[in-house]
Amino acid sequence: MLAALLLLAACSPQTEYTHAIPKNASVVLGMEMDEMAEKAGLNGETGEKAVAKLKTLVKGGLQGDAAQLAERIIDQPSESGLSFDDKVYLFATPHAEALAVLAKVTDEGKVEALLEVLEKESIATPLREESGCRWTQVGGALCAFNNGTFLLLQSSRGDASGMKGTLLSLMRQKEGEGFHALPEFAKVKAEGNDLASVINLSAMPYEWSTPLRMGLSGNIQLEDIKYFVSANFEQGRVLMNSESLIQNPMVQGFFDAMDKVMQPIGGKYLDYYPGNTLAWMGGNIQGKTLYQMLCQNPAIKQALDNPLLPVDVEYIFSSIEGDFAIGVDNAFSKNFLMYADVTNSDFLKTFEDLRPLLALTGGQITLDNVGKDEYLMRTYYGNFWFGVKNKLLYVTTNRTLAEEAGRTYGASLGVKPWADEVRQNRLFASANMSSLNGMIPAFVASVHGGMPDWRQGSVEIVLKDKQGNLLQSLVAMMENL
């Protein structure tokens, strides 16, 4: 009888741990932990100092068995009972209400031993058995495991103790019930990327998504707008790529229409910003087409056609045609400078119709002429200079920038290594991380990326050390904690 039980235990099938990901997950991220550890240098001599520092940090508040177990796990992660040769997954439920870590269990006994040690340290509650798994509360999170699956669930609203039902239902999921059954999961599960994820717009918190939902057709759900995003840590850079997974014909039609609004960038405004500009974004827009597209939504059309709004919104939109760009000079000011191609300056006259409405504010908002086709608007939030020079619309919060509007620079963004990439995209953005003066880790030089159309996009993080790897830099930073 004993022999039969041992044989059954040895031969009992492990559950497929990825079955625990919910079908409605808004984010599913797969991480190749072994590959990233290799790139970070944790498996060689270069990682010894970081490993030693990690031991010191983890063992700081632990004593006895807990400290010894922590050291064993750091030296040999398999002592945790979890597999780091298999992908570790992070996922979020809609509106990020719950966040979770999912890993494959290789040894139930070791996982149990780990949680029992945490219980002795008063970090975890006693293990309970229910729904074919054992579970406990670890700090503010819930944790469950069985013969194959380890799941740690955390509520974004605080203590997760009220999410026990969600935890156990995820542990009970079978083949065909969860995200594992969706075709896009194959892209996350496949090898070849250090990080691979599927993200849909329902990941946004409610307060962010409400305005966006109002602007979308009732037949379009945020869950329908989803992308596959991958990241790889390479020598001297991190390369990220996105690929559309949108299947809803109405969503595809919406974005096809946006492609008509956003044309490929001409790139002329790169020369209008100095090379040390902190952040820059450029695009190309057909204002009249955009206005017509917005008016297809009844709620937006009603707002734009509001009779209480004295300006001719359609005329303003229709006057904008061509490249636009916006730049921020540094992280310590509110100054920005925006440019846009316009067909003429006549649309500015419609702002004169605002004066009676502004007079009702008792001088708290004013509009003054400061030159030909140039205005200054004073508001609660600051001063805004805007105007048109040579069919070039400018808007800025800085008087000097307004006076110099239309100026080009020799050492401009136009001489950056990525400048030629701008003209291959409908939208492009860059950030000069070196100008943040130590506010971020010093090993990142710049970030830039763009979208040639709605179906794809890319972002490149460039390191100062062209021979280095971002993961190695992060490990080195940890040594100095």
Protein backbone atom coordinates (compact mmCIF):
# COMPACT_ATOMS: atom_id res chain seq x y z
CA MET A 1 0.00 0.00 0.00
CA LEU A 2 2.85 2.36 0.91
CA ALA A 3 4.67 1.44 -2.30
CA ALA A 4 1.52 2.16 -4.31
CA LEU A 5 1.14 5.59 -2.72
CA LEU A 6 4.78 6.46 -3.43
CA LEU A 7 4.35 5.35 -7.03
CA LEU A 8 1.22 7.47 -7.43
CA ALA A 9 2.99 10.48 -5.92
CA ALA A 10 5.96 10.04 -8.25
CA CYS A 11 3.77 9.63 -11.33
CA SER A 12 1.03 12.18 -10.53
CA PRO A 13 0.76 14.63 -13.43
CA GLN A 14 1.67 18.24 -12.80
CA THR A 15 -0.95 20.86 -13.61
CA GLU A 16 -0.09 23.19 -16.49
CA TYR A 17 0.69 26.35 -14.55
CA THR A 18 -0.26 28.76 -17.35
CA HIS A 19 -3.90 27.61 -17.04
CA ALA A 20 -4.18 29.92 -14.02
CA ILE A 21 -4.04 33.10 -16.14
CA PRO A 22 -7.59 34.51 -16.47
CA LYS A 23 -9.08 34.83 -19.94
CA ASN A 24 -9.90 38.52 -19.37
CA ALA A 25 -6.35 39.46 -18.29
CA SER A 26 -5.52 42.97 -19.53
CA VAL A 27 -1.76 42.37 -19.38
CA VAL A 28 0.14 39.08 -19.63
CA LEU A 29 3.94 39.34 -19.47
CA GLY A 30 6.28 36.36 -19.88
CA MET A 31 9.87 36.66 -18.63
CA GLU A 32 12.83 34.47 -19.58
CA MET A 33 14.47 34.66 -16.16
CA ASP A 34 17.40 32.34 -16.98
CA GLU A 35 18.26 34.27 -20.17
CA MET A 36 18.09 37.62 -18.39
CA ALA A 37 20.19 36.33 -15.48
CA GLU A 38 22.82 35.26 -18.01
CA LYS A 39 22.81 38.69 -19.70
CA ALA A 40 22.97 40.38 -16.30
CA GLY A 41 26.12 38.43 -15.46
CA LEU A 42 24.58 36.89 -12.34
CA ASN A 43 25.85 33.44 -13.30
CA GLY A 44 29.51 34.50 -13.43
CA GLU A 45 32.11 36.29 -11.37
CA THR A 46 30.71 39.71 -12.26
CA GLY A 47 27.51 38.89 -10.39
CA GLU A 48 29.14 37.74 -7.15
CA LYS A 49 29.07 41.19 -5.53
CA ALA A 50 25.42 41.69 -6.46
CA VAL A 51 24.49 38.26 -5.11
CA ALA A 52 26.34 39.02 -1.87
CA LYS A 53 24.50 42.34 -1.58
CA LEU A 54 21.18 40.60 -2.23
CA LYS A 55 21.92 38.14 0.59
CA THR A 56 22.65 41.00 2.96
CA LEU A 57 19.43 42.82 2.04
CA VAL A 58 17.18 39.73 2.23
CA LYS A 59 18.70 38.35 5.42
CA GLY A 60 18.66 41.73 7.15
CA GLY A 61 15.43 41.08 9.05
CA LEU A 62 15.59 37.27 9.18
CA GLN A 63 16.98 34.92 11.80
CA GLY A 64 17.79 31.22 12.15
CA ASP A 65 16.08 28.86 9.67
CA ALA A 66 14.65 31.74 7.66
CA ALA A 67 18.06 33.32 7.09
CA GLN A 68 19.60 29.97 6.13
CA LEU A 69 16.76 29.19 3.71
CA ALA A 70 17.03 32.64 2.12
CA GLU A 71 20.74 32.11 1.55
CA ARG A 72 20.16 28.68 0.00
CA ILE A 73 17.53 30.03 -2.37
CA ILE A 74 19.75 32.92 -3.49
CA ASP A 75 22.64 30.51 -4.12
CA GLN A 76 20.38 27.96 -5.80
CA PRO A 77 16.95 29.35 -6.86
CA SER A 78 15.61 25.81 -7.38
CA GLU A 79 15.62 25.47 -3.57
CA SER A 80 12.49 27.61 -3.63
CA GLY A 81 10.67 24.73 -5.33
CA LEU A 82 10.01 26.96 -8.36
CA SER A 83 11.39 26.67 -11.87
CA PHE A 84 13.25 29.64 -13.32
CA ASP A 85 14.17 27.69 -16.43
CA ASP A 86 10.51 27.99 -17.41
CA LYS A 87 8.95 31.39 -18.02
CA VAL A 88 7.70 33.39 -15.06
CA TYR A 89 4.53 35.34 -15.84
CA LEU A 90 3.10 38.57 -14.53
CA PHE A 91 -0.52 39.40 -15.28
CA ALA A 92 -3.07 42.05 -14.43
CA THR A 93 -6.86 41.91 -14.39
CA PRO A 94 -8.90 44.66 -16.12
CA HIS A 95 -8.22 48.18 -14.84
CA ALA A 96 -5.23 46.76 -12.93
CA GLU A 97 -7.43 45.88 -9.97
CA ALA A 98 -5.30 42.80 -9.25
CA LEU A 99 -1.68 42.02 -10.09
CA ALA A 100 -0.19 38.53 -10.00
CA VAL A 101 3.02 36.53 -10.33
CA LEU A 102 2.80 33.01 -11.75
CA ALA A 103 5.55 30.36 -11.77
CA LYS A 104 5.93 26.63 -12.32
CA VAL A 105 6.27 24.43 -9.23
CA THR A 106 8.94 21.72 -9.48
CA ASP A 107 8.94 20.64 -5.82
CA GLU A 108 5.85 21.09 -3.63
CA GLY A 109 7.79 20.16 -0.51
CA LYS A 110 10.26 23.01 -0.98
CA VAL A 111 7.49 25.53 -1.64
CA GLU A 112 5.72 24.34 1.51
CA ALA A 113 8.94 24.61 3.51
CA LEU A 114 9.45 28.16 2.28
CA LEU A 115 5.95 29.25 3.29
CA GLU A 116 6.22 27.53 6.67
CA VAL A 117 9.40 29.49 7.38
CA LEU A 118 7.58 32.70 6.45
CA GLU A 119 4.82 31.67 8.88
CA LYS A 120 7.38 31.27 11.70
CA GLU A 121 8.62 34.77 10.91
CA SER A 122 4.99 36.03 11.17
CA ILE A 123 5.13 37.06 7.50
CA ALA A 124 2.57 34.47 6.36
CA THR A 125 -0.54 32.90 7.88
CA PRO A 126 -0.80 29.10 8.41
CA LEU A 127 -1.28 27.08 5.22
CA ARG A 128 -4.84 26.00 4.44
CA GLU A 129 -6.00 23.38 1.97
CA GLU A 130 -8.95 24.09 -0.32
CA SER A 131 -10.02 23.55 -3.93
CA GLY A 132 -7.14 21.18 -4.66
CA CYS A 133 -4.40 23.55 -3.55
CA ARG A 134 -2.82 25.04 -0.44
CA TRP A 135 -2.99 28.75 0.17
CA THR A 136 -1.88 31.41 2.62
CA GLN A 137 -1.70 35.16 3.05
CA VAL A 138 1.81 36.60 2.69
CA GLY A 139 1.83 40.20 3.86
CA GLY A 140 -0.92 41.94 1.90
CA ALA A 141 -0.92 39.32 -0.88
CA LEU A 142 -2.52 35.89 -1.26
CA CYS A 143 -0.46 32.89 -2.32
CA ALA A 144 -1.58 29.44 -3.54
CA PHE A 145 0.25 26.42 -4.94
CA ASN A 146 -0.32 22.84 -6.02
CA ASN A 147 1.55 20.19 -7.95
CA GLY A 148 2.62 22.45 -10.79
CA THR A 149 1.36 25.98 -10.15
CA PHE A 150 2.48 28.82 -7.87
CA LEU A 151 0.32 31.96 -7.84
CA LEU A 152 0.85 35.18 -5.88
CA LEU A 153 -2.09 37.62 -6.09
CA GLN A 154 -2.02 41.25 -4.96
CA SER A 155 -4.86 43.77 -4.99
CA SER A 156 -4.00 47.23 -6.34
CA ARG A 157 -6.42 48.65 -3.77
CA GLY A 158 -4.54 47.37 -0.73
CA ASP A 159 -5.02 44.17 1.26
CA ALA A 160 -5.87 41.20 -0.98
CA SER A 161 -7.59 39.16 1.75
CA GLY A 162 -10.98 39.70 0.08
CA MET A 163 -9.75 38.10 -3.15
CA LYS A 164 -9.65 34.53 -1.86
CA GLY A 165 -12.47 33.49 -4.20
CA THR A 166 -10.59 34.89 -7.22
CA LEU A 167 -7.37 33.15 -6.15
CA LEU A 168 -8.99 29.72 -5.78
CA SER A 169 -11.03 30.04 -8.98
CA LEU A 170 -7.86 30.75 -10.95
CA MET A 171 -6.16 27.73 -9.39
CA ARG A 172 -9.13 25.56 -10.48
CA GLN A 173 -9.04 26.62 -14.12
CA LYS A 174 -8.57 23.84 -16.66
CA GLU A 175 -7.45 23.71 -20.26
CA GLY A 176 -9.61 25.88 -22.47
CA GLU A 177 -10.90 28.10 -19.66
CA GLY A 178 -8.19 30.76 -19.29
CA PHE A 179 -5.90 33.01 -21.31
CA HIS A 180 -3.89 29.91 -22.16
CA ALA A 181 -6.62 28.96 -24.67
CA LEU A 182 -6.47 32.27 -26.61
CA PRO A 183 -4.39 32.31 -29.81
CA GLU A 184 -2.35 35.34 -28.71
CA PHE A 185 -0.92 33.43 -25.75
CA ALA A 186 1.24 31.44 -28.17
CA LYS A 187 3.21 34.64 -28.89
CA VAL A 188 3.84 35.26 -25.18
CA LYS A 189 4.80 31.65 -24.56
CA ALA A 190 7.16 31.37 -27.55
CA GLU A 191 10.91 31.66 -27.00
CA GLY A 192 13.06 34.32 -28.62
CA ASN A 193 12.32 37.43 -26.52
CA ASP A 194 13.57 38.32 -23.05
CA LEU A 195 10.18 39.88 -22.30
CA ALA A 196 7.00 39.14 -24.24
CA SER A 197 3.56 40.49 -23.46
CA VAL A 198 0.02 40.98 -24.69
CA ILE A 199 -1.58 44.23 -23.54
CA ASN A 200 -5.05 45.63 -24.14
CA LEU A 201 -6.37 49.06 -23.20
CA SER A 202 -8.62 47.72 -20.43
CA ALA A 203 -5.41 47.74 -18.38
CA MET A 204 -5.96 51.45 -17.74
CA PRO A 205 -7.51 52.45 -14.41
CA TYR A 206 -11.19 53.47 -14.58
CA GLU A 207 -10.44 57.17 -14.08
CA TRP A 208 -8.13 57.16 -17.13
CA SER A 209 -10.29 55.04 -19.39
CA THR A 210 -13.62 56.83 -18.88
CA PRO A 211 -12.82 59.81 -21.20
CA LEU A 212 -11.44 57.39 -23.80
CA ARG A 213 -14.56 55.22 -23.67
CA MET A 214 -16.70 58.32 -24.24
CA GLY A 215 -14.75 59.07 -27.42
CA LEU A 216 -15.12 55.57 -28.87
CA SER A 217 -18.04 54.06 -30.71
CA GLY A 218 -20.34 51.98 -28.53
CA ASN A 219 -19.39 48.97 -30.66
CA ILE A 220 -15.70 49.31 -29.73
CA GLN A 221 -14.46 48.00 -26.40
CA LEU A 222 -11.07 48.80 -24.84
CA GLU A 223 -10.45 45.04 -24.68
CA ASP A 224 -10.53 44.96 -28.49
CA ILE A 225 -7.50 47.26 -28.76
CA LYS A 226 -4.60 44.93 -28.00
CA TYR A 227 -0.95 44.61 -28.96
CA PHE A 228 1.89 42.15 -28.65
CA VAL A 229 4.93 43.90 -27.15
CA SER A 230 8.40 42.37 -26.86
CA ALA A 231 11.69 43.57 -25.39
CA ASN A 232 15.25 42.34 -25.75
CA PHE A 233 18.30 43.47 -23.80
CA GLU A 234 21.08 43.86 -26.37
CA GLN A 235 24.59 45.24 -26.38
CA GLY A 236 24.38 49.00 -25.91
CA ARG A 237 20.60 49.13 -26.15
CA VAL A 238 17.19 47.71 -25.31
CA LEU A 239 14.95 47.13 -28.33
CA MET A 240 11.18 47.02 -27.94
CA ASN A 241 8.69 46.20 -30.69
CA SER A 242 4.91 46.24 -30.85
CA GLU A 243 2.55 44.42 -33.19
CA SER A 244 -1.21 44.84 -33.51
CA LEU A 245 -3.44 41.94 -32.46
CA ILE A 246 -6.64 43.82 -33.26
CA GLN A 247 -9.26 41.59 -34.90
CA ASN A 248 -12.43 43.67 -34.51
CA PRO A 249 -13.27 45.07 -38.01
CA MET A 250 -14.70 48.27 -36.50
CA VAL A 251 -11.51 48.92 -34.54
CA GLN A 252 -9.43 48.23 -37.64
CA GLY A 253 -11.62 50.67 -39.56
CA PHE A 254 -11.17 53.31 -36.85
CA PHE A 255 -7.38 53.04 -37.00
CA ASP A 256 -7.35 52.92 -40.80
CA ALA A 257 -9.17 56.26 -40.66
CA MET A 258 -6.53 57.55 -38.21
CA ASP A 259 -3.83 56.61 -40.72
CA LYS A 260 -5.49 59.01 -43.15
CA VAL A 261 -5.41 61.73 -40.49
CA MET A 262 -1.77 61.06 -39.58
CA GLN A 263 0.52 61.11 -42.64
CA PRO A 264 4.27 60.28 -42.73
CA ILE A 265 6.34 62.99 -41.02
CA GLY A 266 8.26 65.45 -43.17
CA GLY A 267 10.72 66.10 -40.35
CA LYS A 268 11.40 69.80 -40.84
CA TYR A 269 10.71 70.70 -37.22
CA LEU A 270 13.71 68.69 -36.00
CA ASP A 271 15.83 71.74 -36.89
CA TYR A 272 13.63 74.01 -34.76
CA TYR A 273 14.72 72.42 -31.47
CA PRO A 274 18.25 72.37 -29.94
CA GLY A 275 20.01 69.02 -29.59
CA ASN A 276 19.74 69.06 -25.79
CA THR A 277 15.92 69.23 -25.79
CA LEU A 278 14.63 67.02 -22.99
CA ALA A 279 11.59 65.56 -24.77
CA TRP A 280 10.24 65.90 -28.31
CA MET A 281 7.30 64.49 -30.22
CA GLY A 282 6.45 64.99 -33.85
CA GLY A 283 3.81 63.92 -36.33
CA ASN A 284 1.87 65.01 -39.39
CA ILE A 285 -1.80 65.81 -39.22
CA GLN A 286 -4.57 66.67 -41.68
CA GLY A 287 -6.78 68.93 -39.55
CA LYS A 288 -9.89 68.92 -41.71
CA THR A 289 -9.85 65.12 -41.98
CA LEU A 290 -9.43 64.89 -38.19
CA TYR A 291 -12.38 67.21 -37.59
CA GLN A 292 -14.60 65.16 -39.90
CA MET A 293 -13.55 61.96 -38.16
CA LEU A 294 -14.24 63.39 -34.68
CA CYS A 295 -17.68 64.57 -35.75
CA GLN A 296 -18.68 61.00 -36.53
CA ASN A 297 -18.99 60.56 -32.77
CA PRO A 298 -22.27 62.24 -31.67
CA ALA A 299 -20.98 63.26 -28.23
CA ILE A 300 -17.84 64.90 -29.64
CA LYS A 301 -19.79 66.58 -32.47
CA GLN A 302 -22.21 68.08 -29.94
CA ALA A 303 -19.30 69.48 -27.91
CA LEU A 304 -17.56 70.93 -30.98
CA ASP A 305 -20.78 72.48 -32.30
CA ASN A 306 -21.76 73.94 -28.92
CA PRO A 307 -23.40 77.31 -29.63
CA LEU A 308 -21.93 78.69 -26.39
CA LEU A 309 -18.45 78.20 -27.87
CA PRO A 310 -17.88 81.39 -29.88
CA VAL A 311 -14.83 80.26 -31.90
CA ASP A 312 -15.13 78.50 -35.25
CA VAL A 313 -13.61 75.14 -34.29
CA GLU A 314 -13.99 73.66 -37.77
CA TYR A 315 -12.14 76.61 -39.34
CA ILE A 316 -9.28 76.23 -36.85
CA PHE A 317 -8.97 72.49 -37.45
CA SER A 318 -9.12 72.93 -41.23
CA SER A 319 -6.27 75.45 -41.15
CA ILE A 320 -3.83 72.88 -39.69
CA GLU A 321 -2.27 70.74 -42.38
CA GLY A 322 1.19 69.14 -42.29
CA ASP A 323 3.87 68.51 -39.68
CA PHE A 324 3.49 69.34 -36.01
CA ALA A 325 5.94 69.03 -33.11
CA ILE A 326 6.14 69.77 -29.41
CA GLY A 327 9.27 70.01 -27.27
CA VAL A 328 10.07 70.45 -23.58
CA ASP A 329 13.39 72.11 -22.78
CA ASN A 330 14.11 70.64 -19.33
CA ALA A 331 12.61 68.79 -16.38
CA PHE A 332 12.67 71.79 -14.04
CA SER A 333 10.40 74.18 -15.93
CA LYS A 334 6.91 74.16 -17.41
CA ASN A 335 8.15 75.57 -20.69
CA PHE A 336 7.09 73.93 -23.91
CA LEU A 337 7.17 75.01 -27.53
CA MET A 338 4.75 73.62 -30.11
CA TYR A 339 4.78 74.14 -33.88
CA ALA A 340 2.30 73.18 -36.59
CA ASP A 341 1.99 73.83 -40.31
CA VAL A 342 -1.04 75.97 -41.16
CA THR A 343 -2.48 77.03 -44.51
CA ASN A 344 -2.86 80.69 -43.42
CA SER A 345 -3.25 82.93 -40.38
CA ASP A 346 -6.87 83.97 -40.99
CA PHE A 347 -8.19 81.45 -38.46
CA LEU A 348 -6.64 83.56 -35.67
CA LYS A 349 -9.37 86.15 -36.17
CA THR A 350 -11.89 83.72 -34.70
CA PHE A 351 -10.13 84.11 -31.32
CA GLU A 352 -11.33 87.72 -31.28
CA ASP A 353 -14.81 86.29 -30.71
CA LEU A 354 -13.60 84.96 -27.37
CA ARG A 355 -13.20 88.40 -25.82
CA PRO A 356 -16.85 88.83 -24.62
CA LEU A 357 -16.74 85.38 -23.01
CA LEU A 358 -13.37 86.06 -21.34
CA ALA A 359 -14.70 89.37 -19.99
CA LEU A 360 -17.10 87.35 -17.82
CA THR A 361 -14.11 85.93 -15.87
CA GLY A 362 -13.48 89.30 -14.24
CA GLY A 363 -9.95 89.57 -15.58
CA GLN A 364 -8.86 86.11 -14.47
CA ILE A 365 -8.47 85.08 -18.12
CA THR A 366 -7.41 87.71 -20.65
CA LEU A 367 -6.43 87.79 -24.31
CA ASP A 368 -4.08 90.50 -25.60
CA ASN A 369 -2.57 91.27 -29.00
CA VAL A 370 1.22 91.41 -28.77
CA GLY A 371 2.00 91.77 -32.46
CA LYS A 372 0.69 91.00 -35.93
CA ASP A 373 -1.01 87.60 -35.76
CA GLU A 374 0.37 87.12 -32.22
CA TYR A 375 -1.46 86.82 -28.89
CA LEU A 376 -0.88 86.41 -25.17
CA MET A 377 -3.51 84.57 -23.11
CA ARG A 378 -3.24 84.83 -19.34
CA THR A 379 -5.02 82.02 -17.44
CA TYR A 380 -5.25 80.35 -14.05
CA TYR A 381 -2.57 77.91 -15.17
CA GLY A 382 -0.06 80.39 -16.58
CA ASN A 383 0.58 82.48 -19.65
CA PHE A 384 0.40 81.20 -23.22
CA TRP A 385 1.86 82.97 -26.23
CA PHE A 386 0.60 81.87 -29.65
CA GLY A 387 0.58 83.15 -33.19
CA VAL A 388 1.51 82.50 -36.80
CA LYS A 389 4.78 83.36 -38.56
CA ASN A 390 5.26 82.39 -42.20
CA LYS A 391 2.43 79.82 -42.09
CA LEU A 392 3.91 78.35 -38.93
CA LEU A 393 1.68 78.19 -35.87
CA TYR A 394 3.49 78.34 -32.53
CA VAL A 395 2.25 77.95 -28.94
CA THR A 396 4.54 78.34 -25.93
CA THR A 397 4.60 79.17 -22.23
CA ASN A 398 7.83 81.20 -22.53
CA ARG A 399 8.02 84.79 -23.75
CA THR A 400 11.56 84.46 -25.13
CA LEU A 401 10.62 81.32 -27.07
CA ALA A 402 7.63 83.21 -28.49
CA GLU A 403 9.83 86.08 -29.64
CA GLU A 404 12.28 83.61 -31.24
CA ALA A 405 9.58 81.39 -32.79
CA GLY A 406 10.70 80.10 -36.16
CA ARG A 407 14.38 79.99 -35.19
CA THR A 408 16.44 77.00 -36.36
CA TYR A 409 19.56 75.55 -34.72
CA GLY A 410 22.79 74.23 -36.17
CA ALA A 411 23.27 71.65 -33.40
CA SER A 412 19.63 70.61 -33.55
CA LEU A 413 17.68 67.39 -33.18
CA GLY A 414 18.08 67.07 -36.93
CA VAL A 415 21.68 65.84 -36.51
CA LYS A 416 20.77 63.07 -34.03
CA PRO A 417 21.54 59.48 -35.15
CA TRP A 418 17.82 58.68 -35.13
CA ALA A 419 16.74 61.72 -37.18
CA ASP A 420 16.32 59.74 -40.40
CA GLU A 421 13.97 57.33 -38.62
CA VAL A 422 11.53 60.18 -37.94
CA ARG A 423 10.54 60.42 -41.62
CA GLN A 424 9.59 56.73 -41.68
CA ASN A 425 6.85 57.20 -39.08
CA ARG A 426 3.49 58.86 -38.56
CA LEU A 427 4.32 59.57 -34.92
CA PHE A 428 7.76 59.78 -33.31
CA ALA A 429 9.01 60.71 -29.84
CA SER A 430 12.39 61.05 -28.16
CA ALA A 431 13.76 61.79 -24.70
CA ASN A 432 17.27 62.98 -23.88
CA MET A 433 17.87 61.19 -20.58
CA SER A 434 21.32 62.76 -20.14
CA SER A 435 19.66 66.14 -19.57
CA LEU A 436 17.88 64.90 -16.43
CA ASN A 437 21.03 65.60 -14.37
CA GLY A 438 21.13 62.48 -12.22
CA MET A 439 17.38 62.14 -11.70
CA ILE A 440 17.57 58.71 -13.34
CA PRO A 441 20.36 56.08 -13.50
CA ALA A 442 23.26 57.60 -15.41
CA PHE A 443 23.73 54.64 -17.77
CA VAL A 444 20.77 55.55 -20.03
CA ALA A 445 21.60 58.10 -22.75
CA SER A 446 18.34 58.45 -24.67
CA VAL A 447 15.02 56.85 -25.57
CA HIS A 448 13.31 57.21 -28.93
CA GLY A 449 10.72 55.42 -31.02
CA GLY A 450 7.90 55.73 -33.48
CA MET A 451 4.96 54.21 -35.31
CA PRO A 452 4.94 53.96 -39.12
CA ASP A 453 1.27 52.99 -38.85
CA TRP A 454 -1.16 51.65 -36.26
CA ARG A 455 -0.13 48.04 -36.87
CA GLN A 456 3.43 48.31 -35.56
CA GLY A 457 5.88 50.40 -33.57
CA SER A 458 9.32 50.32 -31.96
CA VAL A 459 11.21 51.93 -29.09
CA GLU A 460 14.97 51.94 -28.56
CA ILE A 461 16.66 52.66 -25.22
CA VAL A 462 20.25 53.71 -25.94
CA LEU A 463 22.92 53.22 -23.27
CA LYS A 464 25.93 55.45 -22.69
CA ASP A 465 28.11 52.34 -22.62
CA LYS A 466 27.84 51.01 -26.17
CA GLN A 467 29.45 47.72 -25.13
CA GLY A 468 27.32 47.24 -22.02
CA ASN A 469 23.96 45.68 -21.25
CA LEU A 470 21.19 47.38 -19.29
CA LEU A 471 20.74 44.35 -17.05
CA GLN A 472 24.44 44.41 -16.16
CA SER A 473 24.12 48.10 -15.31
CA LEU A 474 21.15 47.42 -13.04
CA VAL A 475 23.08 44.67 -11.27
CA ALA A 476 26.06 46.98 -10.82
CA MET A 477 23.76 49.63 -9.35
CA MET A 478 22.43 47.06 -6.88
CA GLU A 479 25.97 46.44 -5.64
CA ASN A 480 26.08 50.03 -4.39
CA LEU A 481 22.81 49.96 -2.45
